[in-house]
Amino acid sequence: MTDATAGWLIEGTVAELTPAVTNRPFVLQLFRTKDKRLWGSKSSDGGRSWWVPEPIAALKNPNSKVALAKVVDDNGHQGLVLAYNPSEDVRSPLVLAYSLDGFSWTVFAYLEKPSTVSGRWYAYPTLVQHGGMIYCSYTVYDHLEAQDTMGTVHYSHRVDSCPQGSTVCHEDELEINPRPTTLKRHLRNVFLGIKLAVLPTPDFQSLSVQV
């Protein structure tokens, strides 16, 4: 999906929520974009149809993947938790925010504070709840400027298909793409590792009193 302002709406992350106020379930999907903010779409019929995606002004985004999950606290109250970079241009800091309705968001934890190291970025978070804990893994790397390119990598791909649109066929029946594509890409990141943050699930009932 593309938009003239946002560019590609990619790497969507999805979660379902039933707000306590309305008791009407909906599915929320968020996308990274080039619009310096997240875009989102909702479905009220379990994902069969979706609203036209719109920008979410309160959620800044430096064209970076985010992670969204429904979380249930110890008392059975549910909310949405989002891992994202609240910045328009760099993937730092990395925070967790909660929402009880899918509209308003509040940061409740800094997984990584704004980095003091130039180009130190935190990205590609993944969220999961297990028991009373939230687990978030993410990548740490140094982003290099164009003049500091590490090197290049060459890769190619070939598309094979079954004849006449069949879903299953023998290898000797494959129709081979006659022109494999070879691309050359500059490496501009130094991978430092993957980190895992573990923290207690928020008490959504107490948070709802503060909102």
Protein backbone atom coordinates (compact mmCIF):
# COMPACT_ATOMS: atom_id res chain seq x y z
CA MET A 1 0.00 0.00 0.00
CA THR A 2 1.30 3.46 -0.86
CA ASP A 3 0.32 7.07 -0.19
CA ALA A 4 1.57 10.25 -1.80
CA THR A 5 2.60 11.65 1.60
CA ALA A 6 3.60 8.52 3.52
CA GLY A 7 5.21 6.54 0.71
CA TRP A 8 5.05 2.81 1.33
CA LEU A 9 2.95 1.75 4.33
CA ILE A 10 4.96 -1.30 5.33
CA GLU A 11 5.75 -3.74 8.15
CA GLY A 12 2.28 -3.53 9.63
CA THR A 13 1.76 -4.66 13.22
CA VAL A 14 -1.69 -5.76 14.40
CA ALA A 15 -3.51 -6.21 17.71
CA GLU A 16 -7.12 -6.53 18.85
CA LEU A 17 -8.59 -4.62 21.77
CA THR A 18 -11.95 -4.44 23.52
CA PRO A 19 -12.03 -1.05 25.31
CA ALA A 20 -13.65 -1.17 28.75
CA VAL A 21 -15.65 1.99 28.01
CA THR A 22 -17.39 0.79 24.83
CA ASN A 23 -16.98 -3.01 25.15
CA ARG A 24 -16.79 -3.10 21.35
CA PRO A 25 -13.78 -4.99 19.97
CA PHE A 26 -11.70 -3.60 17.13
CA VAL A 27 -8.43 -4.48 15.41
CA LEU A 28 -5.73 -1.82 15.05
CA GLN A 29 -2.93 -1.99 12.50
CA LEU A 30 0.02 0.43 12.53
CA PHE A 31 2.55 1.05 9.72
CA ARG A 32 5.98 2.62 9.43
CA THR A 33 6.11 5.44 6.86
CA LYS A 34 8.25 8.23 5.43
CA ASP A 35 5.80 10.79 6.85
CA LYS A 36 7.73 11.09 10.16
CA ARG A 37 4.79 9.55 12.01
CA LEU A 38 2.96 6.27 12.17
CA TRP A 39 -0.11 5.64 10.08
CA GLY A 40 -2.92 3.41 11.26
CA SER A 41 -6.05 1.62 10.14
CA LYS A 42 -8.85 -0.03 12.11
CA SER A 43 -11.28 -2.86 11.55
CA SER A 44 -14.50 -3.40 13.49
CA ASP A 45 -15.39 -6.72 11.85
CA GLY A 46 -12.43 -8.87 12.82
CA GLY A 47 -10.19 -7.81 9.93
CA ARG A 48 -12.58 -8.46 7.04
CA SER A 49 -12.68 -4.76 6.13
CA TRP A 50 -10.47 -1.81 7.11
CA TRP A 51 -10.72 1.95 7.36
CA VAL A 52 -8.59 4.01 4.99
CA PRO A 53 -5.18 4.41 6.72
CA GLU A 54 -4.58 7.80 8.35
CA PRO A 55 -1.61 9.49 10.02
CA ILE A 56 -1.42 9.39 13.82
CA ALA A 57 -0.03 12.78 14.81
CA ALA A 58 0.85 11.74 18.38
CA LEU A 59 3.09 8.85 17.27
CA LYS A 60 6.31 10.07 15.67
CA ASN A 61 8.17 7.64 13.44
CA PRO A 62 11.57 7.82 11.70
CA ASN A 63 10.45 5.28 9.07
CA SER A 64 11.16 2.50 11.55
CA LYS A 65 9.35 -0.75 12.32
CA VAL A 66 7.21 -0.82 15.47
CA ALA A 67 5.59 -3.60 17.50
CA LEU A 68 2.04 -3.61 18.85
CA ALA A 69 0.49 -6.15 21.24
CA LYS A 70 -2.60 -6.60 23.36
CA VAL A 71 -1.62 -7.06 26.99
CA VAL A 72 -3.79 -8.28 29.86
CA ASP A 73 -2.87 -7.33 33.43
CA ASP A 74 -3.18 -9.49 36.55
CA ASN A 75 -6.76 -8.30 37.12
CA GLY A 76 -7.94 -9.17 33.62
CA HIS A 77 -7.95 -5.60 32.30
CA GLN A 78 -6.53 -5.19 28.81
CA GLY A 79 -4.72 -2.48 26.91
CA LEU A 80 -2.43 -2.01 23.94
CA VAL A 81 1.33 -1.74 24.32
CA LEU A 82 3.50 -0.25 21.59
CA ALA A 83 7.29 -0.39 21.19
CA TYR A 84 8.53 2.45 18.97
CA ASN A 85 11.06 5.25 18.41
CA PRO A 86 9.38 8.58 19.34
CA SER A 87 11.50 10.55 16.87
CA GLU A 88 11.08 11.96 13.38
CA ASP A 89 14.55 11.20 12.08
CA VAL A 90 16.59 8.77 14.23
CA ARG A 91 15.88 5.34 15.73
CA SER A 92 16.56 6.46 19.27
CA PRO A 93 15.25 6.39 21.97
CA LEU A 94 13.18 3.19 22.14
CA VAL A 95 10.12 3.32 24.40
CA LEU A 96 6.99 1.45 25.40
CA ALA A 97 3.66 3.27 25.37
CA TYR A 98 0.21 2.11 26.40
CA SER A 99 -3.27 2.90 25.16
CA LEU A 100 -6.63 1.94 26.63
CA ASP A 101 -8.64 2.95 23.58
CA GLY A 102 -6.27 2.90 20.58
CA PHE A 103 -6.46 6.69 20.25
CA SER A 104 -4.38 8.25 23.06
CA TRP A 105 -0.91 6.96 23.95
CA THR A 106 1.30 7.43 27.02
CA VAL A 107 4.95 6.41 27.35
CA PHE A 108 5.48 4.31 30.50
CA ALA A 109 8.98 2.83 29.99
CA TYR A 110 12.25 3.76 28.28
CA LEU A 111 13.95 0.61 26.97
CA GLU A 112 16.74 2.83 25.64
CA LYS A 113 17.19 6.50 26.43
CA PRO A 114 18.41 8.93 23.72
CA SER A 115 21.84 7.64 22.74
CA THR A 116 24.94 9.71 23.45
CA VAL A 117 26.78 7.75 20.72
CA SER A 118 26.38 9.23 17.24
CA GLY A 119 24.43 6.84 15.02
CA ARG A 120 23.63 4.34 17.79
CA TRP A 121 20.19 3.08 16.86
CA TYR A 122 17.63 0.71 18.38
CA ALA A 123 15.18 -0.89 15.99
CA TYR A 124 13.01 -3.82 14.93
CA PRO A 125 11.32 -4.48 18.28
CA THR A 126 9.20 -7.56 18.92
CA LEU A 127 6.69 -7.71 21.78
CA VAL A 128 5.17 -10.67 23.60
CA GLN A 129 3.48 -11.14 26.98
CA HIS A 130 4.07 -14.22 29.08
CA GLY A 131 2.40 -14.46 32.45
CA GLY A 132 2.69 -11.13 34.20
CA MET A 133 5.71 -9.96 32.22
CA ILE A 134 6.27 -8.15 28.92
CA TYR A 135 9.24 -9.26 26.82
CA CYS A 136 10.64 -6.98 24.11
CA SER A 137 13.60 -7.92 21.93
CA TYR A 138 15.26 -5.41 19.60
CA THR A 139 18.35 -4.82 17.50
CA VAL A 140 21.20 -2.50 18.46
CA TYR A 141 23.46 -1.18 15.71
CA ASP A 142 25.50 1.80 14.57
CA HIS A 143 24.12 3.59 11.54
CA LEU A 144 26.88 4.97 9.33
CA GLU A 145 26.90 8.06 7.18
CA ALA A 146 27.18 7.62 3.43
CA GLN A 147 30.92 8.36 3.40
CA ASP A 148 31.49 5.68 6.04
CA THR A 149 30.01 2.81 4.02
CA MET A 150 31.48 -0.48 5.22
CA GLY A 151 31.40 -2.24 1.86
CA THR A 152 28.93 -3.85 -0.51
CA VAL A 153 27.00 -7.06 -0.76
CA HIS A 154 25.88 -8.76 -3.96
CA TYR A 155 22.75 -10.86 -4.07
CA SER A 156 20.44 -12.28 -6.72
CA HIS A 157 17.05 -13.93 -6.90
CA ARG A 158 15.10 -15.99 -9.40
CA VAL A 159 11.37 -16.52 -9.53
CA ASP A 160 10.06 -19.94 -10.49
CA SER A 161 6.37 -20.68 -11.03
CA CYS A 162 4.16 -23.62 -11.84
CA PRO A 163 2.58 -23.68 -15.30
CA GLN A 164 -0.92 -22.28 -15.77
CA GLY A 165 -1.07 -21.01 -12.21
CA SER A 166 -0.97 -24.41 -10.53
CA THR A 167 -0.20 -24.31 -6.81
CA VAL A 168 1.75 -27.58 -6.85
CA CYS A 169 4.01 -28.97 -9.56
CA HIS A 170 7.10 -31.13 -10.00
CA GLU A 171 10.52 -29.52 -10.24
CA ASP A 172 10.87 -30.44 -13.93
CA GLU A 173 7.62 -28.55 -14.64
CA LEU A 174 8.76 -25.23 -13.18
CA GLU A 175 8.66 -22.20 -15.45
CA ILE A 176 11.95 -20.46 -14.66
CA ASN A 177 12.34 -16.72 -14.72
CA PRO A 178 14.71 -16.26 -17.68
CA ARG A 179 16.44 -13.20 -16.22
CA PRO A 180 17.61 -13.60 -12.62
CA THR A 181 18.01 -10.22 -10.94
CA THR A 182 21.37 -9.30 -9.44
CA LEU A 183 21.60 -6.29 -7.14
CA LYS A 184 24.43 -4.50 -5.42
CA ARG A 185 23.76 -2.87 -2.06
CA HIS A 186 25.94 -0.76 0.19
CA LEU A 187 26.30 -1.80 3.82
CA ARG A 188 25.74 1.17 6.11
CA ASN A 189 25.11 -0.46 9.47
CA VAL A 190 27.36 -2.14 12.03
CA PHE A 191 25.36 -4.81 13.85
CA LEU A 192 26.12 -4.81 17.59
CA GLY A 193 23.63 -7.36 18.90
CA ILE A 194 20.12 -8.12 20.07
CA LYS A 195 18.86 -7.07 23.50
CA LEU A 196 15.93 -8.33 25.52
CA ALA A 197 13.99 -6.15 27.95
CA VAL A 198 11.71 -7.74 30.54
CA LEU A 199 9.33 -5.71 32.69
CA PRO A 200 6.08 -6.22 34.61
CA THR A 201 2.75 -5.80 32.86
CA PRO A 202 1.21 -2.41 33.69
CA ASP A 203 -1.85 -2.25 35.92
CA PHE A 204 -4.33 -0.87 33.39
CA GLN A 205 -7.04 -0.20 35.98
CA SER A 206 -4.80 2.19 37.90
CA LEU A 207 -3.60 3.78 34.67
CA SER A 208 -7.17 4.42 33.54
CA VAL A 209 -7.73 6.52 36.66
CA GLN A 210 -4.77 8.72 35.72
CA VAL A 211 -5.80 9.30 32.09
